[in-house]
Amino acid sequence: CSDEGVPSLSSSVTLTLQISDVNDNA
């Protein structure tokens, strides 16, 4: 996320997402 100032200041965050399985392969 960044602001529109000059110079611009920003902050970051990292989100971890696990994908759970469904039985979609024979």
PDB file of all heavy atoms in Angstrom:
ATOM      1  N   CYS A   1       0.859  -1.196   0.000  1.00  0.00           N
ATOM      2  CA  CYS A   1       0.000   0.000   0.000  1.00  0.00           C
ATOM      3  C   CYS A   1       0.894   1.244   0.000  1.00  0.00           C
ATOM      4  O   CYS A   1       1.789   1.369   0.838  1.00  0.00           O
ATOM      5  CB  CYS A   1      -0.914   0.004   1.213  1.00  0.00           C
ATOM      6  SG  CYS A   1      -2.087  -1.376   1.223  1.00  0.00           S
ATOM      7  N   SER A   2       0.633   2.138  -0.937  1.00  0.00           N
ATOM      8  CA  SER A   2       1.453   3.352  -1.092  1.00  0.00           C
ATOM      9  C   SER A   2       0.562   4.579  -1.094  1.00  0.00           C
ATOM     10  O   SER A   2      -0.595   4.537  -1.535  1.00  0.00           O
ATOM     11  CB  SER A   2       2.246   3.297  -2.409  1.00  0.00           C
ATOM     12  OG  SER A   2       2.991   2.100  -2.506  1.00  0.00           O
ATOM     13  N   ASP A   3       1.096   5.702  -0.554  1.00  0.00           N
ATOM     14  CA  ASP A   3       0.363   6.956  -0.662  1.00  0.00           C
ATOM     15  C   ASP A   3       0.812   7.698  -1.913  1.00  0.00           C
ATOM     16  O   ASP A   3       1.706   7.260  -2.636  1.00  0.00           O
ATOM     17  CB  ASP A   3       0.520   7.809   0.602  1.00  0.00           C
ATOM     18  CG  ASP A   3       1.972   8.169   0.908  1.00  0.00           C
ATOM     19  OD1 ASP A   3       2.753   8.334  -0.047  1.00  0.00           O
ATOM     20  OD2 ASP A   3       2.324   8.285   2.102  1.00  0.00           O
ATOM     21  N   GLU A   4       0.171   8.856  -2.183  1.00  0.00           N
ATOM     22  CA  GLU A   4       0.457   9.605  -3.402  1.00  0.00           C
ATOM     23  C   GLU A   4       1.351  10.809  -3.134  1.00  0.00           C
ATOM     24  O   GLU A   4       1.442  11.721  -3.949  1.00  0.00           O
ATOM     25  CB  GLU A   4      -0.855  10.045  -4.056  1.00  0.00           C
ATOM     26  CG  GLU A   4      -1.715   8.878  -4.504  1.00  0.00           C
ATOM     27  CD  GLU A   4      -2.976   9.318  -5.217  1.00  0.00           C
ATOM     28  OE1 GLU A   4      -3.087  10.521  -5.542  1.00  0.00           O
ATOM     29  OE2 GLU A   4      -3.847   8.461  -5.468  1.00  0.00           O
ATOM     30  N   GLY A   5       2.032  10.816  -1.968  1.00  0.00           N
ATOM     31  CA  GLY A   5       2.951  11.911  -1.666  1.00  0.00           C
ATOM     32  C   GLY A   5       4.211  11.824  -2.509  1.00  0.00           C
ATOM     33  O   GLY A   5       4.466  10.837  -3.216  1.00  0.00           O
ATOM     34  N   VAL A   6       4.997  12.890  -2.481  1.00  0.00           N
ATOM     35  CA  VAL A   6       6.276  12.923  -3.202  1.00  0.00           C
ATOM     36  C   VAL A   6       7.370  13.266  -2.197  1.00  0.00           C
ATOM     37  O   VAL A   6       7.392  14.365  -1.651  1.00  0.00           O
ATOM     38  CB  VAL A   6       6.250  13.978  -4.332  1.00  0.00           C
ATOM     39  CG1 VAL A   6       7.592  14.013  -5.060  1.00  0.00           C
ATOM     40  CG2 VAL A   6       5.136  13.660  -5.308  1.00  0.00           C
ATOM     41  N   PRO A   7       8.309  12.311  -1.904  1.00  0.00           N
ATOM     42  CA  PRO A   7       8.292  10.930  -2.426  1.00  0.00           C
ATOM     43  C   PRO A   7       7.220  10.104  -1.726  1.00  0.00           C
ATOM     44  O   PRO A   7       6.821  10.394  -0.605  1.00  0.00           O
ATOM     45  CB  PRO A   7       9.694  10.422  -2.070  1.00  0.00           C
ATOM     46  CG  PRO A   7      10.069  11.204  -0.860  1.00  0.00           C
ATOM     47  CD  PRO A   7       9.476  12.578  -1.043  1.00  0.00           C
ATOM     48  N   SER A   8       6.768   9.045  -2.423  1.00  0.00           N
ATOM     49  CA  SER A   8       5.715   8.194  -1.891  1.00  0.00           C
ATOM     50  C   SER A   8       6.260   7.303  -0.781  1.00  0.00           C
ATOM     51  O   SER A   8       7.392   6.825  -0.841  1.00  0.00           O
ATOM     52  CB  SER A   8       5.133   7.331  -3.010  1.00  0.00           C
ATOM     53  OG  SER A   8       4.168   6.440  -2.505  1.00  0.00           O
ATOM     54  N   LEU A   9       5.423   7.080   0.264  1.00  0.00           N
ATOM     55  CA  LEU A   9       5.753   6.147   1.339  1.00  0.00           C
ATOM     56  C   LEU A   9       4.842   4.931   1.227  1.00  0.00           C
ATOM     57  O   LEU A   9       3.683   5.051   0.813  1.00  0.00           O
ATOM     58  CB  LEU A   9       5.586   6.807   2.709  1.00  0.00           C
ATOM     59  CG  LEU A   9       6.451   8.038   2.986  1.00  0.00           C
ATOM     60  CD1 LEU A   9       6.146   8.604   4.366  1.00  0.00           C
ATOM     61  CD2 LEU A   9       7.927   7.695   2.881  1.00  0.00           C
ATOM     62  N   SER A  10       5.372   3.756   1.572  1.00  0.00           N
ATOM     63  CA  SER A  10       4.590   2.538   1.409  1.00  0.00           C
ATOM     64  C   SER A  10       4.839   1.577   2.561  1.00  0.00           C
ATOM     65  O   SER A  10       5.837   1.671   3.281  1.00  0.00           O
ATOM     66  CB  SER A  10       4.925   1.856   0.081  1.00  0.00           C
ATOM     67  OG  SER A  10       6.283   1.460   0.065  1.00  0.00           O
ATOM     68  N   SER A  11       3.899   0.633   2.726  1.00  0.00           N
ATOM     69  CA  SER A  11       4.010  -0.455   3.676  1.00  0.00           C
ATOM     70  C   SER A  11       3.549  -1.729   2.989  1.00  0.00           C
ATOM     71  O   SER A  11       2.718  -1.691   2.076  1.00  0.00           O
ATOM     72  CB  SER A  11       3.150  -0.198   4.923  1.00  0.00           C
ATOM     73  OG  SER A  11       3.562   0.979   5.587  1.00  0.00           O
ATOM     74  N   SER A  12       4.102  -2.869   3.425  1.00  0.00           N
ATOM     75  CA  SER A  12       3.754  -4.149   2.816  1.00  0.00           C
ATOM     76  C   SER A  12       3.404  -5.161   3.892  1.00  0.00           C
ATOM     77  O   SER A  12       3.862  -5.069   5.037  1.00  0.00           O
ATOM     78  CB  SER A  12       4.909  -4.682   1.959  1.00  0.00           C
ATOM     79  OG  SER A  12       5.194  -3.813   0.890  1.00  0.00           O
ATOM     80  N   VAL A  13       2.595  -6.136   3.504  1.00  0.00           N
ATOM     81  CA  VAL A  13       2.277  -7.262   4.376  1.00  0.00           C
ATOM     82  C   VAL A  13       2.170  -8.507   3.491  1.00  0.00           C
ATOM     83  O   VAL A  13       1.697  -8.439   2.357  1.00  0.00           O
ATOM     84  CB  VAL A  13       0.964  -7.001   5.147  1.00  0.00           C
ATOM     85  CG1 VAL A  13      -0.222  -6.907   4.211  1.00  0.00           C
ATOM     86  CG2 VAL A  13       0.738  -8.081   6.188  1.00  0.00           C
ATOM     87  N   THR A  14       2.675  -9.640   3.997  1.00  0.00           N
ATOM     88  CA  THR A  14       2.630 -10.894   3.245  1.00  0.00           C
ATOM     89  C   THR A  14       1.636 -11.837   3.906  1.00  0.00           C
ATOM     90  O   THR A  14       1.705 -12.097   5.114  1.00  0.00           O
ATOM     91  CB  THR A  14       4.022 -11.549   3.185  1.00  0.00           C
ATOM     92  OG1 THR A  14       4.920 -10.662   2.517  1.00  0.00           O
ATOM     93  CG2 THR A  14       3.968 -12.858   2.419  1.00  0.00           C
ATOM     94  N   LEU A  15       0.683 -12.322   3.108  1.00  0.00           N
ATOM     95  CA  LEU A  15      -0.363 -13.218   3.584  1.00  0.00           C
ATOM     96  C   LEU A  15      -0.077 -14.624   3.074  1.00  0.00           C
ATOM     97  O   LEU A  15       0.215 -14.814   1.887  1.00  0.00           O
ATOM     98  CB  LEU A  15      -1.734 -12.748   3.084  1.00  0.00           C
ATOM     99  CG  LEU A  15      -2.078 -11.284   3.368  1.00  0.00           C
ATOM    100  CD1 LEU A  15      -3.322 -10.873   2.615  1.00  0.00           C
ATOM    101  CD2 LEU A  15      -2.270 -11.066   4.857  1.00  0.00           C
ATOM    102  N   THR A  16      -0.146 -15.629   3.939  1.00  0.00           N
ATOM    103  CA  THR A  16       0.074 -17.019   3.559  1.00  0.00           C
ATOM    104  C   THR A  16      -1.279 -17.729   3.453  1.00  0.00           C
ATOM    105  O   THR A  16      -2.081 -17.693   4.395  1.00  0.00           O
ATOM    106  CB  THR A  16       0.959 -17.742   4.596  1.00  0.00           C
ATOM    107  OG1 THR A  16       2.219 -17.071   4.655  1.00  0.00           O
ATOM    108  CG2 THR A  16       1.193 -19.181   4.192  1.00  0.00           C
ATOM    109  N   LEU A  17      -1.519 -18.370   2.301  1.00  0.00           N
ATOM    110  CA  LEU A  17      -2.793 -19.031   2.030  1.00  0.00           C
ATOM    111  C   LEU A  17      -2.539 -20.478   1.631  1.00  0.00           C
ATOM    112  O   LEU A  17      -1.797 -20.748   0.675  1.00  0.00           O
ATOM    113  CB  LEU A  17      -3.549 -18.294   0.915  1.00  0.00           C
ATOM    114  CG  LEU A  17      -4.928 -18.830   0.564  1.00  0.00           C
ATOM    115  CD1 LEU A  17      -5.887 -18.611   1.731  1.00  0.00           C
ATOM    116  CD2 LEU A  17      -5.452 -18.158  -0.702  1.00  0.00           C
ATOM    117  N   GLN A  18      -3.124 -21.429   2.369  1.00  0.00           N
ATOM    118  CA  GLN A  18      -3.053 -22.849   2.040  1.00  0.00           C
ATOM    119  C   GLN A  18      -4.268 -23.233   1.186  1.00  0.00           C
ATOM    120  O   GLN A  18      -5.392 -22.812   1.470  1.00  0.00           O
ATOM    121  CB  GLN A  18      -3.031 -23.694   3.320  1.00  0.00           C
ATOM    122  CG  GLN A  18      -1.883 -23.386   4.269  1.00  0.00           C
ATOM    123  CD  GLN A  18      -0.540 -23.810   3.712  1.00  0.00           C
ATOM    124  OE1 GLN A  18      -0.466 -24.753   2.916  1.00  0.00           O
ATOM    125  NE2 GLN A  18       0.516 -23.115   4.110  1.00  0.00           N
ATOM    126  N   ILE A  19      -4.025 -24.046   0.157  1.00  0.00           N
ATOM    127  CA  ILE A  19      -5.099 -24.516  -0.720  1.00  0.00           C
ATOM    128  C   ILE A  19      -5.455 -25.936  -0.288  1.00  0.00           C
ATOM    129  O   ILE A  19      -4.600 -26.831  -0.307  1.00  0.00           O
ATOM    130  CB  ILE A  19      -4.676 -24.489  -2.198  1.00  0.00           C
ATOM    131  CG1 ILE A  19      -4.102 -23.108  -2.563  1.00  0.00           C
ATOM    132  CG2 ILE A  19      -5.854 -24.835  -3.090  1.00  0.00           C
ATOM    133  CD1 ILE A  19      -5.058 -21.969  -2.349  1.00  0.00           C
ATOM    134  N   SER A  20      -6.711 -26.137   0.140  1.00  0.00           N
ATOM    135  CA  SER A  20      -7.132 -27.471   0.582  1.00  0.00           C
ATOM    136  C   SER A  20      -7.672 -28.285  -0.606  1.00  0.00           C
ATOM    137  O   SER A  20      -8.189 -27.731  -1.577  1.00  0.00           O
ATOM    138  CB  SER A  20      -8.184 -27.356   1.682  1.00  0.00           C
ATOM    139  OG  SER A  20      -9.317 -26.652   1.203  1.00  0.00           O
ATOM    140  N   ASP A  21      -7.560 -29.601  -0.496  1.00  0.00           N
ATOM    141  CA  ASP A  21      -7.838 -30.507  -1.620  1.00  0.00           C
ATOM    142  C   ASP A  21      -9.322 -30.837  -1.731  1.00  0.00           C
ATOM    143  O   ASP A  21     -10.032 -30.933  -0.735  1.00  0.00           O
ATOM    144  CB  ASP A  21      -7.023 -31.789  -1.418  1.00  0.00           C
ATOM    145  CG  ASP A  21      -7.110 -32.714  -2.619  1.00  0.00           C
ATOM    146  OD1 ASP A  21      -7.088 -32.185  -3.747  1.00  0.00           O
ATOM    147  OD2 ASP A  21      -7.190 -33.937  -2.419  1.00  0.00           O
ATOM    148  N   VAL A  22      -9.788 -31.004  -2.976  1.00  0.00           N
ATOM    149  CA  VAL A  22     -11.070 -31.645  -3.264  1.00  0.00           C
ATOM    150  C   VAL A  22     -10.782 -32.801  -4.207  1.00  0.00           C
ATOM    151  O   VAL A  22      -9.764 -32.812  -4.928  1.00  0.00           O
ATOM    152  CB  VAL A  22     -12.088 -30.664  -3.887  1.00  0.00           C
ATOM    153  CG1 VAL A  22     -12.430 -29.569  -2.908  1.00  0.00           C
ATOM    154  CG2 VAL A  22     -11.571 -30.077  -5.196  1.00  0.00           C
ATOM    155  N   ASN A  23     -11.637 -33.781  -4.237  1.00  0.00           N
ATOM    156  CA  ASN A  23     -11.402 -34.984  -5.049  1.00  0.00           C
ATOM    157  C   ASN A  23     -11.800 -34.706  -6.496  1.00  0.00           C
ATOM    158  O   ASN A  23     -12.882 -35.090  -6.957  1.00  0.00           O
ATOM    159  CB  ASN A  23     -12.190 -36.164  -4.474  1.00  0.00           C
ATOM    160  CG  ASN A  23     -11.743 -37.480  -5.093  1.00  0.00           C
ATOM    161  OD1 ASN A  23     -10.617 -37.589  -5.569  1.00  0.00           O
ATOM    162  ND2 ASN A  23     -12.624 -38.471  -5.082  1.00  0.00           N
ATOM    163  N   ASP A  24     -10.886 -34.010  -7.200  1.00  0.00           N
ATOM    164  CA  ASP A  24     -11.187 -33.619  -8.582  1.00  0.00           C
ATOM    165  C   ASP A  24     -10.302 -34.343  -9.601  1.00  0.00           C
ATOM    166  O   ASP A  24     -10.211 -33.943 -10.757  1.00  0.00           O
ATOM    167  CB  ASP A  24     -11.047 -32.102  -8.746  1.00  0.00           C
ATOM    168  CG  ASP A  24      -9.684 -31.602  -8.337  1.00  0.00           C
ATOM    169  OD1 ASP A  24      -8.900 -32.396  -7.772  1.00  0.00           O
ATOM    170  OD2 ASP A  24      -9.394 -30.407  -8.582  1.00  0.00           O
ATOM    171  N   ASN A  25      -9.599 -35.438  -9.185  1.00  0.00           N
ATOM    172  CA  ASN A  25      -8.781 -36.225 -10.111  1.00  0.00           C
ATOM    173  C   ASN A  25      -9.081 -37.704  -9.913  1.00  0.00           C
ATOM    174  O   ASN A  25      -9.067 -38.217  -8.786  1.00  0.00           O
ATOM    175  CB  ASN A  25      -7.288 -35.974  -9.855  1.00  0.00           C
ATOM    176  CG  ASN A  25      -6.866 -34.565 -10.239  1.00  0.00           C
ATOM    177  OD1 ASN A  25      -6.598 -34.286 -11.395  1.00  0.00           O
ATOM    178  ND2 ASN A  25      -6.849 -33.667  -9.246  1.00  0.00           N
ATOM    179  N   ALA A  26      -9.344 -38.417 -11.031  1.00  0.00           N
ATOM    180  CA  ALA A  26      -9.553 -39.870 -10.989  1.00  0.00           C
ATOM    181  C   ALA A  26      -8.205 -40.586 -11.042  1.00  0.00           C
ATOM    182  O   ALA A  26      -7.220 -40.034 -11.555  1.00  0.00           O
ATOM    183  CB  ALA A  26     -10.419 -40.299 -12.164  1.00  0.00           C
TER     184      ALA A  26
END
